[in-house]
Amino acid sequence: MVESNPPRRLNVHQALGGGSVADVILWKKWYGGVVVLMSTSTLWFLFERAGYNLVSFVANVLFLLVVILFFWAKSASLLNRPLPPIPDLEISDESVVKAADAMQIWINSALSIAHDIALGRNLKLFLKVAVGLWVISYIGSLINFLTLVYIGVILSLSVPVVYDKFQDHIDEKLCIIHRILQAQYRKIDDNILKKIPFPSNKQKKIQ
């Protein structure tokens, strides 16, 4: 009897890009994870609990930075010390082109979905988008944007690590959930969606 090969494990580190960001997210560089966690927790506490204003905080930090660099440069010129180690900050044309290409793909995809929904070509896509927007609206009514970003940071520092350690068990449970959701979706599709009269593309072109 031929045994089936076990499913290949996903390399989470490579899936996250395999660079320094992946090292921080997976806690391979634990000090980086600690810095990110402590800094985001501090900012969330300042803005959410202490009531500190974001604009005032950014302005004060920039003001303090400018003052420190100014007096550092002045004292360095008077005492014959090296100037502040500030690199030449410049965005290359290649980076701008890559960012523009990536944004163009996302925007065109969103416009294509909106076009299909507006013309009534895809009822299933409309229902998915409507449910997704409703979920986002519901979550937004419960928590503000800053708290949502903070929760996202916490999840990004915890979910990939847990999945990397318990990947086999999680994949097994996800497969079961996926089969259940597929079965429920087929029932809804057979009992509801297919009974809704929906004009075809040929009828639209004839009209």
N, C-alpha and C. Protein backbone atom coordinates (compact mmCIF):
# COMPACT_ATOMS: atom_id res chain seq x y z
N MET A 1 0.85 -1.20 0.00
CA MET A 1 0.00 0.00 0.00
C MET A 1 0.88 1.25 0.00
N VAL A 2 0.60 2.13 -0.95
CA VAL A 2 1.42 3.32 -1.09
C VAL A 2 0.91 4.39 -0.13
N GLU A 3 1.79 4.91 0.70
CA GLU A 3 1.40 5.95 1.65
C GLU A 3 1.42 7.31 0.96
N SER A 4 0.40 8.09 1.27
CA SER A 4 0.34 9.44 0.69
C SER A 4 1.35 10.35 1.37
N ASN A 5 1.95 11.20 0.57
CA ASN A 5 2.94 12.12 1.12
C ASN A 5 2.27 13.16 2.01
N PRO A 6 2.85 13.48 3.15
CA PRO A 6 2.26 14.50 4.01
C PRO A 6 2.33 15.86 3.34
N PRO A 7 1.37 16.74 3.66
CA PRO A 7 1.39 18.07 3.06
C PRO A 7 2.65 18.83 3.43
N ARG A 8 3.14 19.55 2.45
CA ARG A 8 4.38 20.29 2.65
C ARG A 8 4.14 21.48 3.58
N ARG A 9 5.02 21.64 4.56
CA ARG A 9 4.89 22.73 5.52
C ARG A 9 5.25 24.06 4.85
N LEU A 10 4.50 25.07 5.20
CA LEU A 10 4.77 26.40 4.68
C LEU A 10 5.90 27.05 5.47
N ASN A 11 6.86 27.59 4.75
CA ASN A 11 7.94 28.33 5.39
C ASN A 11 7.42 29.73 5.68
N VAL A 12 7.01 29.94 6.92
CA VAL A 12 6.40 31.22 7.30
C VAL A 12 7.40 32.36 7.13
N HIS A 13 8.66 32.12 7.46
CA HIS A 13 9.68 33.16 7.36
C HIS A 13 9.83 33.63 5.92
N GLN A 14 9.86 32.69 4.97
CA GLN A 14 9.97 33.07 3.57
C GLN A 14 8.69 33.72 3.07
N ALA A 15 7.54 33.26 3.57
CA ALA A 15 6.27 33.84 3.17
C ALA A 15 6.15 35.30 3.60
N LEU A 16 6.81 35.66 4.69
CA LEU A 16 6.79 37.04 5.19
C LEU A 16 7.88 37.91 4.56
N GLY A 17 8.62 37.36 3.61
CA GLY A 17 9.64 38.13 2.93
C GLY A 17 11.06 37.72 3.24
N GLY A 18 11.24 37.00 4.35
CA GLY A 18 12.56 36.49 4.69
C GLY A 18 13.59 37.52 5.10
N GLY A 19 13.18 38.74 5.37
CA GLY A 19 14.13 39.77 5.76
C GLY A 19 14.05 40.12 7.24
N SER A 20 14.48 41.33 7.55
CA SER A 20 14.48 41.78 8.94
C SER A 20 13.08 41.88 9.52
N VAL A 21 12.11 42.28 8.67
CA VAL A 21 10.73 42.38 9.15
C VAL A 21 10.21 41.00 9.56
N ALA A 22 10.52 39.98 8.77
CA ALA A 22 10.11 38.62 9.12
C ALA A 22 10.78 38.16 10.41
N ASP A 23 12.04 38.54 10.59
CA ASP A 23 12.74 38.18 11.84
C ASP A 23 12.07 38.80 13.06
N VAL A 24 11.62 40.05 12.91
CA VAL A 24 10.96 40.72 14.03
C VAL A 24 9.60 40.10 14.31
N ILE A 25 8.82 39.85 13.24
CA ILE A 25 7.47 39.30 13.41
C ILE A 25 7.51 37.91 14.04
N LEU A 26 8.49 37.10 13.65
CA LEU A 26 8.62 35.75 14.19
C LEU A 26 9.47 35.70 15.44
N TRP A 27 9.88 36.84 15.97
CA TRP A 27 10.65 36.95 17.21
C TRP A 27 12.01 36.27 17.12
N LYS A 28 12.55 36.17 15.88
CA LYS A 28 13.91 35.67 15.74
C LYS A 28 14.90 36.73 16.23
N LYS A 29 14.52 38.00 16.07
CA LYS A 29 15.23 39.11 16.69
C LYS A 29 14.32 39.63 17.79
N TRP A 30 14.42 39.03 18.97
CA TRP A 30 13.46 39.31 20.03
C TRP A 30 13.49 40.77 20.48
N TYR A 31 14.68 41.39 20.41
CA TYR A 31 14.76 42.79 20.83
C TYR A 31 13.96 43.69 19.89
N GLY A 32 13.93 43.35 18.61
CA GLY A 32 13.12 44.12 17.67
C GLY A 32 11.64 44.00 17.97
N GLY A 33 11.20 42.77 18.29
CA GLY A 33 9.80 42.58 18.67
C GLY A 33 9.44 43.33 19.94
N VAL A 34 10.37 43.33 20.89
CA VAL A 34 10.12 44.05 22.16
C VAL A 34 10.00 45.54 21.90
N VAL A 35 10.89 46.10 21.05
CA VAL A 35 10.85 47.53 20.74
C VAL A 35 9.53 47.89 20.07
N VAL A 36 9.11 47.10 19.08
CA VAL A 36 7.85 47.38 18.38
C VAL A 36 6.67 47.28 19.33
N LEU A 37 6.66 46.23 20.15
CA LEU A 37 5.54 46.05 21.08
C LEU A 37 5.48 47.17 22.12
N MET A 38 6.62 47.53 22.69
CA MET A 38 6.64 48.57 23.72
C MET A 38 6.31 49.94 23.12
N SER A 39 6.83 50.24 21.94
CA SER A 39 6.57 51.54 21.33
C SER A 39 5.10 51.69 20.94
N THR A 40 4.53 50.65 20.32
CA THR A 40 3.11 50.74 19.95
C THR A 40 2.21 50.78 21.18
N SER A 41 2.57 50.03 22.22
CA SER A 41 1.78 50.06 23.45
C SER A 41 1.85 51.45 24.09
N THR A 42 3.03 52.07 24.08
CA THR A 42 3.17 53.41 24.65
C THR A 42 2.37 54.44 23.86
N LEU A 43 2.46 54.38 22.54
CA LEU A 43 1.70 55.32 21.72
C LEU A 43 0.21 55.13 21.90
N TRP A 44 -0.23 53.88 21.95
CA TRP A 44 -1.66 53.62 22.14
C TRP A 44 -2.13 54.16 23.49
N PHE A 45 -1.33 53.97 24.52
CA PHE A 45 -1.71 54.48 25.84
C PHE A 45 -1.76 56.01 25.85
N LEU A 46 -0.78 56.65 25.21
CA LEU A 46 -0.75 58.12 25.19
C LEU A 46 -1.96 58.70 24.47
N PHE A 47 -2.29 58.14 23.31
CA PHE A 47 -3.35 58.72 22.50
C PHE A 47 -4.74 58.24 22.91
N GLU A 48 -4.83 56.99 23.39
CA GLU A 48 -6.15 56.43 23.67
C GLU A 48 -6.55 56.61 25.13
N ARG A 49 -5.64 56.41 26.04
CA ARG A 49 -5.98 56.47 27.47
C ARG A 49 -5.63 57.82 28.10
N ALA A 50 -4.46 58.34 27.78
CA ALA A 50 -4.05 59.61 28.38
C ALA A 50 -4.66 60.82 27.67
N GLY A 51 -5.25 60.61 26.50
CA GLY A 51 -5.91 61.69 25.79
C GLY A 51 -4.97 62.65 25.10
N TYR A 52 -3.74 62.22 24.83
CA TYR A 52 -2.78 63.08 24.15
C TYR A 52 -3.16 63.22 22.69
N ASN A 53 -2.96 64.41 22.13
CA ASN A 53 -3.34 64.69 20.75
C ASN A 53 -2.23 64.26 19.80
N LEU A 54 -2.60 63.58 18.70
CA LEU A 54 -1.61 63.07 17.76
C LEU A 54 -0.84 64.20 17.08
N VAL A 55 -1.53 65.24 16.65
CA VAL A 55 -0.86 66.34 15.97
C VAL A 55 0.12 67.03 16.91
N SER A 56 -0.30 67.26 18.16
CA SER A 56 0.60 67.89 19.14
C SER A 56 1.81 67.01 19.42
N PHE A 57 1.60 65.70 19.50
CA PHE A 57 2.71 64.79 19.78
C PHE A 57 3.72 64.81 18.64
N VAL A 58 3.25 64.72 17.40
CA VAL A 58 4.16 64.73 16.25
C VAL A 58 4.90 66.06 16.18
N ALA A 59 4.18 67.16 16.40
CA ALA A 59 4.82 68.47 16.34
C ALA A 59 5.88 68.63 17.42
N ASN A 60 5.59 68.17 18.63
CA ASN A 60 6.56 68.28 19.73
C ASN A 60 7.79 67.42 19.48
N VAL A 61 7.58 66.21 18.97
CA VAL A 61 8.72 65.33 18.67
C VAL A 61 9.59 65.94 17.59
N LEU A 62 8.98 66.45 16.52
CA LEU A 62 9.76 67.07 15.44
C LEU A 62 10.47 68.32 15.94
N PHE A 63 9.78 69.11 16.78
CA PHE A 63 10.41 70.31 17.33
C PHE A 63 11.64 69.96 18.18
N LEU A 64 11.49 68.93 19.03
CA LEU A 64 12.61 68.52 19.87
C LEU A 64 13.76 67.99 19.01
N LEU A 65 13.43 67.23 17.97
CA LEU A 65 14.46 66.69 17.09
C LEU A 65 15.21 67.80 16.36
N VAL A 66 14.47 68.79 15.87
CA VAL A 66 15.10 69.90 15.15
C VAL A 66 16.01 70.70 16.08
N VAL A 67 15.56 70.96 17.30
CA VAL A 67 16.36 71.71 18.26
C VAL A 67 17.65 70.98 18.60
N ILE A 68 17.53 69.65 18.86
CA ILE A 68 18.72 68.86 19.20
C ILE A 68 19.72 68.86 18.05
N LEU A 69 19.24 68.65 16.82
CA LEU A 69 20.15 68.61 15.66
C LEU A 69 20.77 69.98 15.41
N PHE A 70 20.00 71.05 15.61
CA PHE A 70 20.54 72.39 15.38
C PHE A 70 21.68 72.70 16.34
N PHE A 71 21.43 72.49 17.62
CA PHE A 71 22.48 72.79 18.61
C PHE A 71 23.65 71.82 18.50
N TRP A 72 23.37 70.58 18.10
CA TRP A 72 24.45 69.62 17.88
C TRP A 72 25.37 70.11 16.76
N ALA A 73 24.76 70.55 15.66
CA ALA A 73 25.56 71.04 14.53
C ALA A 73 26.33 72.30 14.89
N LYS A 74 25.71 73.23 15.64
CA LYS A 74 26.40 74.45 16.04
C LYS A 74 27.58 74.16 16.97
N SER A 75 27.33 73.29 17.97
CA SER A 75 28.41 72.95 18.89
C SER A 75 29.52 72.18 18.19
N ALA A 76 29.17 71.36 17.20
CA ALA A 76 30.19 70.60 16.47
C ALA A 76 31.09 71.53 15.66
N SER A 77 30.48 72.57 15.07
CA SER A 77 31.31 73.50 14.29
C SER A 77 32.22 74.35 15.19
N LEU A 78 31.76 74.66 16.42
CA LEU A 78 32.58 75.45 17.34
C LEU A 78 33.68 74.63 17.99
N LEU A 79 33.41 73.36 18.27
CA LEU A 79 34.36 72.51 18.97
C LEU A 79 35.13 71.58 18.03
N ASN A 80 34.97 71.77 16.73
CA ASN A 80 35.62 70.91 15.74
C ASN A 80 35.28 69.43 15.95
N ARG A 81 34.00 69.20 16.17
CA ARG A 81 33.48 67.84 16.32
C ARG A 81 32.74 67.43 15.05
N PRO A 82 32.56 66.12 14.86
CA PRO A 82 31.83 65.70 13.66
C PRO A 82 30.36 66.13 13.73
N LEU A 83 29.81 66.41 12.54
CA LEU A 83 28.41 66.81 12.44
C LEU A 83 27.48 65.63 12.73
N PRO A 84 26.22 65.91 12.99
CA PRO A 84 25.28 64.79 13.23
C PRO A 84 25.25 63.83 12.05
N PRO A 85 25.25 62.53 12.33
CA PRO A 85 25.27 61.53 11.24
C PRO A 85 23.90 61.39 10.57
N ILE A 86 23.57 62.38 9.76
CA ILE A 86 22.28 62.37 9.06
C ILE A 86 22.51 61.93 7.62
N PRO A 87 21.90 60.85 7.19
CA PRO A 87 22.10 60.40 5.80
C PRO A 87 21.34 61.29 4.83
N ASP A 88 21.73 61.23 3.58
CA ASP A 88 21.03 61.96 2.52
C ASP A 88 19.73 61.22 2.21
N LEU A 89 18.63 61.78 2.68
CA LEU A 89 17.33 61.15 2.48
C LEU A 89 16.82 61.50 1.09
N GLU A 90 16.70 60.48 0.26
CA GLU A 90 16.26 60.71 -1.11
C GLU A 90 15.53 59.48 -1.62
N ILE A 91 14.41 59.69 -2.26
CA ILE A 91 13.63 58.59 -2.84
C ILE A 91 14.05 58.43 -4.29
N SER A 92 14.45 57.23 -4.64
CA SER A 92 14.91 56.98 -6.00
C SER A 92 13.72 56.88 -6.96
N ASP A 93 14.02 57.11 -8.25
CA ASP A 93 12.97 56.99 -9.27
C ASP A 93 12.44 55.56 -9.36
N GLU A 94 13.33 54.59 -9.13
CA GLU A 94 12.91 53.20 -9.19
C GLU A 94 11.88 52.88 -8.11
N SER A 95 12.10 53.41 -6.90
CA SER A 95 11.14 53.17 -5.81
C SER A 95 9.79 53.79 -6.11
N VAL A 96 9.82 55.00 -6.69
CA VAL A 96 8.56 55.67 -7.05
C VAL A 96 7.81 54.88 -8.11
N VAL A 97 8.53 54.38 -9.10
CA VAL A 97 7.89 53.61 -10.18
C VAL A 97 7.29 52.31 -9.63
N LYS A 98 8.03 51.62 -8.75
CA LYS A 98 7.50 50.39 -8.16
C LYS A 98 6.26 50.65 -7.33
N ALA A 99 6.28 51.72 -6.53
CA ALA A 99 5.11 52.05 -5.71
C ALA A 99 3.92 52.42 -6.59
N ALA A 100 4.19 53.17 -7.67
CA ALA A 100 3.10 53.56 -8.57
C ALA A 100 2.51 52.34 -9.28
N ASP A 101 3.37 51.40 -9.72
CA ASP A 101 2.88 50.18 -10.38
C ASP A 101 2.03 49.35 -9.42
N ALA A 102 2.48 49.22 -8.17
CA ALA A 102 1.71 48.44 -7.19
C ALA A 102 0.37 49.10 -6.91
N MET A 103 0.36 50.43 -6.77
CA MET A 103 -0.90 51.13 -6.53
C MET A 103 -1.82 51.05 -7.73
N GLN A 104 -1.25 51.06 -8.94
CA GLN A 104 -2.06 50.96 -10.14
C GLN A 104 -2.78 49.61 -10.22
N ILE A 105 -2.08 48.55 -9.83
CA ILE A 105 -2.71 47.22 -9.84
C ILE A 105 -3.87 47.17 -8.86
N TRP A 106 -3.65 47.67 -7.64
CA TRP A 106 -4.71 47.65 -6.62
C TRP A 106 -5.90 48.52 -7.04
N ILE A 107 -5.61 49.71 -7.56
CA ILE A 107 -6.69 50.63 -7.94
C ILE A 107 -7.49 50.06 -9.12
N ASN A 108 -6.80 49.51 -10.12
CA ASN A 108 -7.51 48.94 -11.26
C ASN A 108 -8.36 47.74 -10.85
N SER A 109 -7.84 46.93 -9.92
CA SER A 109 -8.62 45.80 -9.43
C SER A 109 -9.88 46.27 -8.71
N ALA A 110 -9.72 47.30 -7.86
CA ALA A 110 -10.89 47.83 -7.14
C ALA A 110 -11.90 48.46 -8.10
N LEU A 111 -11.41 49.19 -9.10
CA LEU A 111 -12.31 49.80 -10.08
C LEU A 111 -13.03 48.74 -10.91
N SER A 112 -12.33 47.65 -11.23
CA SER A 112 -12.96 46.57 -11.99
C SER A 112 -14.08 45.91 -11.18
N ILE A 113 -13.83 45.69 -9.89
CA ILE A 113 -14.87 45.12 -9.03
C ILE A 113 -16.05 46.08 -8.92
N ALA A 114 -15.76 47.37 -8.72
CA ALA A 114 -16.84 48.35 -8.61
C ALA A 114 -17.63 48.43 -9.91
N HIS A 115 -16.95 48.32 -11.06
CA HIS A 115 -17.63 48.36 -12.36
C HIS A 115 -18.57 47.19 -12.53
N ASP A 116 -18.10 45.98 -12.18
CA ASP A 116 -18.95 44.79 -12.30
C ASP A 116 -20.16 44.86 -11.38
N ILE A 117 -19.95 45.40 -10.17
CA ILE A 117 -21.07 45.51 -9.22
C ILE A 117 -22.07 46.55 -9.71
N ALA A 118 -21.57 47.68 -10.21
CA ALA A 118 -22.46 48.75 -10.66
C ALA A 118 -23.32 48.31 -11.83
N LEU A 119 -22.78 47.46 -12.71
CA LEU A 119 -23.53 46.98 -13.86
C LEU A 119 -24.34 45.73 -13.56
N GLY A 120 -24.24 45.23 -12.33
CA GLY A 120 -25.02 44.06 -11.94
C GLY A 120 -24.60 42.79 -12.62
N ARG A 121 -23.33 42.62 -12.89
CA ARG A 121 -22.85 41.44 -13.60
C ARG A 121 -22.57 40.26 -12.69
N ASN A 122 -22.30 40.52 -11.42
CA ASN A 122 -21.87 39.44 -10.53
C ASN A 122 -22.54 39.61 -9.18
N LEU A 123 -23.59 38.86 -8.95
CA LEU A 123 -24.34 38.96 -7.69
C LEU A 123 -23.53 38.42 -6.52
N LYS A 124 -22.79 37.35 -6.75
CA LYS A 124 -21.99 36.78 -5.66
C LYS A 124 -20.91 37.77 -5.21
N LEU A 125 -20.26 38.43 -6.17
CA LEU A 125 -19.25 39.42 -5.82
C LEU A 125 -19.87 40.59 -5.06
N PHE A 126 -21.07 40.99 -5.48
CA PHE A 126 -21.77 42.07 -4.77
C PHE A 126 -22.05 41.69 -3.33
N LEU A 127 -22.50 40.45 -3.10
CA LEU A 127 -22.81 40.01 -1.74
C LEU A 127 -21.54 39.95 -0.89
N LYS A 128 -20.43 39.48 -1.48
CA LYS A 128 -19.18 39.42 -0.73
C LYS A 128 -18.71 40.81 -0.33
N VAL A 129 -18.75 41.75 -1.27
CA VAL A 129 -18.32 43.12 -0.97
C VAL A 129 -19.24 43.76 0.05
N ALA A 130 -20.56 43.54 -0.09
CA ALA A 130 -21.51 44.13 0.84
C ALA A 130 -21.30 43.61 2.26
N VAL A 131 -21.10 42.29 2.37
CA VAL A 131 -20.87 41.72 3.70
C VAL A 131 -19.55 42.22 4.28
N GLY A 132 -18.51 42.30 3.44
CA GLY A 132 -17.23 42.80 3.92
C GLY A 132 -17.30 44.23 4.41
N LEU A 133 -17.99 45.09 3.65
CA LEU A 133 -18.14 46.48 4.07
C LEU A 133 -18.97 46.60 5.34
N TRP A 134 -19.99 45.74 5.45
CA TRP A 134 -20.81 45.77 6.67
C TRP A 134 -19.99 45.37 7.89
N VAL A 135 -19.13 44.34 7.72
CA VAL A 135 -18.28 43.91 8.84
C VAL A 135 -17.32 45.02 9.24
N ILE A 136 -16.71 45.68 8.23
CA ILE A 136 -15.80 46.78 8.52
C ILE A 136 -16.53 47.92 9.24
N SER A 137 -17.74 48.22 8.77
CA SER A 137 -18.52 49.28 9.41
C SER A 137 -18.88 48.91 10.85
N TYR A 138 -19.21 47.64 11.07
CA TYR A 138 -19.58 47.20 12.42
C TYR A 138 -18.38 47.26 13.36
N ILE A 139 -17.22 46.81 12.86
CA ILE A 139 -16.00 46.87 13.68
C ILE A 139 -15.63 48.33 13.97
N GLY A 140 -15.78 49.20 12.96
CA GLY A 140 -15.47 50.61 13.15
C GLY A 140 -16.37 51.29 14.16
N SER A 141 -17.60 50.80 14.31
CA SER A 141 -18.50 51.39 15.30
C SER A 141 -18.15 50.95 16.72
N LEU A 142 -17.39 49.87 16.84
CA LEU A 142 -17.02 49.37 18.17
C LEU A 142 -15.70 49.95 18.65
N ILE A 143 -14.73 50.06 17.76
CA ILE A 143 -13.41 50.55 18.15
C ILE A 143 -12.95 51.59 17.13
N ASN A 144 -12.08 52.50 17.56
CA ASN A 144 -11.58 53.53 16.66
C ASN A 144 -10.39 53.01 15.85
N PHE A 145 -9.92 53.86 14.94
CA PHE A 145 -8.86 53.44 14.02
C PHE A 145 -7.56 53.15 14.74
N LEU A 146 -7.21 53.96 15.74
CA LEU A 146 -5.95 53.76 16.45
C LEU A 146 -5.94 52.43 17.19
N THR A 147 -7.04 52.10 17.85
CA THR A 147 -7.12 50.82 18.53
C THR A 147 -7.07 49.66 17.55
N LEU A 148 -7.69 49.85 16.38
CA LEU A 148 -7.66 48.80 15.35
C LEU A 148 -6.24 48.57 14.85
N VAL A 149 -5.47 49.65 14.67
CA VAL A 149 -4.07 49.51 14.25
C VAL A 149 -3.26 48.81 15.34
N TYR A 150 -3.53 49.17 16.59
CA TYR A 150 -2.81 48.53 17.71
C TYR A 150 -3.12 47.04 17.78
N ILE A 151 -4.38 46.68 17.59
CA ILE A 151 -4.75 45.26 17.57
C ILE A 151 -4.06 44.55 16.41
N GLY A 152 -3.97 45.23 15.26
CA GLY A 152 -3.28 44.64 14.13
C GLY A 152 -1.81 44.37 14.41
N VAL A 153 -1.15 45.30 15.11
CA VAL A 153 0.26 45.09 15.48
C VAL A 153 0.39 43.90 16.43
N ILE A 154 -0.50 43.82 17.42
CA ILE A 154 -0.46 42.70 18.37
C ILE A 154 -0.67 41.37 17.65
N LEU A 155 -1.63 41.34 16.74
CA LEU A 155 -1.89 40.09 15.99
C LEU A 155 -0.71 39.73 15.09
N SER A 156 -0.08 40.74 14.48
CA SER A 156 1.06 40.46 13.59
C SER A 156 2.26 39.93 14.37
N LEU A 157 2.35 40.25 15.66
CA LEU A 157 3.46 39.76 16.48
C LEU A 157 3.13 38.46 17.20
N SER A 158 1.90 37.97 17.05
CA SER A 158 1.51 36.75 17.76
C SER A 158 1.03 35.64 16.83
N VAL A 159 0.17 35.99 15.85
CA VAL A 159 -0.41 34.96 14.98
C VAL A 159 0.65 34.23 14.15
N PRO A 160 1.59 34.93 13.46
CA PRO A 160 2.59 34.18 12.68
C PRO A 160 3.44 33.24 13.53
N VAL A 161 3.78 33.65 14.76
CA VAL A 161 4.60 32.78 15.63
C VAL A 161 3.82 31.54 16.01
N VAL A 162 2.56 31.72 16.40
CA VAL A 162 1.73 30.57 16.78
C VAL A 162 1.53 29.64 15.59
N TYR A 163 1.28 30.22 14.41
CA TYR A 163 1.08 29.38 13.23
C TYR A 163 2.35 28.63 12.85
N ASP A 164 3.50 29.28 13.01
CA ASP A 164 4.77 28.62 12.67
C ASP A 164 5.03 27.42 13.59
N LYS A 165 4.62 27.52 14.85
CA LYS A 165 4.88 26.44 15.80
C LYS A 165 3.85 25.31 15.69
N PHE A 166 2.60 25.66 15.42
CA PHE A 166 1.52 24.66 15.41
C PHE A 166 0.85 24.60 14.04
N GLN A 167 1.66 24.65 12.98
CA GLN A 167 1.14 24.75 11.63
C GLN A 167 0.29 23.54 11.25
N ASP A 168 0.73 22.33 11.58
CA ASP A 168 0.01 21.13 11.19
C ASP A 168 -1.39 21.08 11.81
N HIS A 169 -1.48 21.35 13.11
CA HIS A 169 -2.77 21.32 13.79
C HIS A 169 -3.69 22.42 13.28
N ILE A 170 -3.15 23.61 13.05
CA ILE A 170 -3.96 24.73 12.57
C ILE A 170 -4.47 24.46 11.16
N ASP A 171 -3.61 23.92 10.29
CA ASP A 171 -4.04 23.61 8.93
C ASP A 171 -5.15 22.56 8.92
N GLU A 172 -5.06 21.58 9.81
CA GLU A 172 -6.10 20.56 9.90
C GLU A 172 -7.44 21.17 10.29
N LYS A 173 -7.43 22.05 11.29
CA LYS A 173 -8.67 22.69 11.73
C LYS A 173 -9.21 23.63 10.66
N LEU A 174 -8.31 24.34 9.96
CA LEU A 174 -8.75 25.25 8.92
C LEU A 174 -9.38 24.50 7.75
N CYS A 175 -8.85 23.33 7.43
CA CYS A 175 -9.44 22.52 6.36
C CYS A 175 -10.86 22.10 6.72
N ILE A 176 -11.06 21.72 7.97
CA ILE A 176 -12.40 21.33 8.42
C ILE A 176 -13.36 22.51 8.32
N ILE A 177 -12.92 23.67 8.80
CA ILE A 177 -13.76 24.88 8.74
C ILE A 177 -14.05 25.26 7.30
N HIS A 178 -13.04 25.13 6.42
CA HIS A 178 -13.23 25.48 5.01
C HIS A 178 -14.27 24.57 4.37
N ARG A 179 -14.24 23.27 4.68
CA ARG A 179 -15.23 22.34 4.11
C ARG A 179 -16.64 22.67 4.61
N ILE A 180 -16.75 23.02 5.89
CA ILE A 180 -18.07 23.37 6.43
C ILE A 180 -18.61 24.64 5.77
N LEU A 181 -17.75 25.65 5.62
CA LEU A 181 -18.19 26.89 4.98
C LEU A 181 -18.55 26.67 3.52
N GLN A 182 -17.80 25.81 2.83
CA GLN A 182 -18.12 25.52 1.43
C GLN A 182 -19.47 24.84 1.31
N ALA A 183 -19.74 23.90 2.23
CA ALA A 183 -21.03 23.21 2.20
C ALA A 183 -22.17 24.19 2.46
N GLN A 184 -22.00 25.09 3.41
CA GLN A 184 -23.04 26.07 3.71
C GLN A 184 -23.23 27.04 2.53
N TYR A 185 -22.12 27.43 1.90
CA TYR A 185 -22.23 28.33 0.77
C TYR A 185 -22.95 27.67 -0.40
N ARG A 186 -22.69 26.39 -0.63
CA ARG A 186 -23.38 25.67 -1.71
C ARG A 186 -24.87 25.59 -1.44
N LYS A 187 -25.25 25.39 -0.18
CA LYS A 187 -26.67 25.35 0.15
C LYS A 187 -27.33 26.70 -0.13
N ILE A 188 -26.65 27.77 0.27
CA ILE A 188 -27.20 29.10 0.03
C ILE A 188 -27.27 29.38 -1.47
N ASP A 189 -26.24 28.94 -2.20
CA ASP A 189 -26.20 29.17 -3.64
C ASP A 189 -27.32 28.42 -4.34
N ASP A 190 -27.56 27.17 -3.92
CA ASP A 190 -28.60 26.36 -4.57
C ASP A 190 -30.00 26.81 -4.19
N ASN A 191 -30.18 27.22 -2.95
CA ASN A 191 -31.53 27.52 -2.45
C ASN A 191 -31.95 28.97 -2.64
N ILE A 192 -30.98 29.88 -2.72
CA ILE A 192 -31.34 31.30 -2.76
C ILE A 192 -30.82 31.99 -4.00
N LEU A 193 -29.48 31.97 -4.17
CA LEU A 193 -28.88 32.77 -5.24
C LEU A 193 -29.34 32.35 -6.63
N LYS A 194 -29.44 31.05 -6.88
CA LYS A 194 -29.82 30.58 -8.21
C LYS A 194 -31.29 30.84 -8.53
N LYS A 195 -32.10 31.12 -7.51
CA LYS A 195 -33.52 31.40 -7.73
C LYS A 195 -33.79 32.87 -8.01
N ILE A 196 -32.76 33.73 -7.82
CA ILE A 196 -32.94 35.15 -8.07
C ILE A 196 -32.79 35.42 -9.56
N PRO A 197 -33.79 36.02 -10.20
CA PRO A 197 -33.65 36.34 -11.64
C PRO A 197 -32.58 37.38 -11.84
N PHE A 198 -31.67 37.07 -12.73
CA PHE A 198 -30.51 37.95 -12.91
C PHE A 198 -30.22 38.08 -14.40
N PRO A 199 -30.23 39.29 -14.98
CA PRO A 199 -30.02 39.45 -16.42
C PRO A 199 -28.61 39.05 -16.81
N SER A 200 -28.47 38.42 -17.94
CA SER A 200 -27.17 37.97 -18.43
C SER A 200 -26.51 39.09 -19.23
N ASN A 201 -25.24 38.88 -19.52
CA ASN A 201 -24.48 39.88 -20.28
C ASN A 201 -25.01 40.00 -21.72
N LYS A 202 -25.48 38.89 -22.29
CA LYS A 202 -26.00 38.93 -23.66
C LYS A 202 -27.24 39.80 -23.74
N GLN A 203 -28.13 39.68 -22.74
CA GLN A 203 -29.33 40.51 -22.72
C GLN A 203 -28.97 41.97 -22.61
N LYS A 204 -27.95 42.29 -21.82
CA LYS A 204 -27.52 43.68 -21.66
C LYS A 204 -26.99 44.24 -22.98
N LYS A 205 -26.22 43.40 -23.71
CA LYS A 205 -25.67 43.89 -24.97
C LYS A 205 -26.77 44.10 -26.01
N ILE A 206 -27.80 43.22 -26.01
CA ILE A 206 -28.89 43.35 -26.98
C ILE A 206 -29.67 44.62 -26.70
N GLN A 207 -29.92 44.91 -25.41
CA GLN A 207 -30.64 46.12 -25.07
C GLN A 207 -29.79 47.35 -25.39
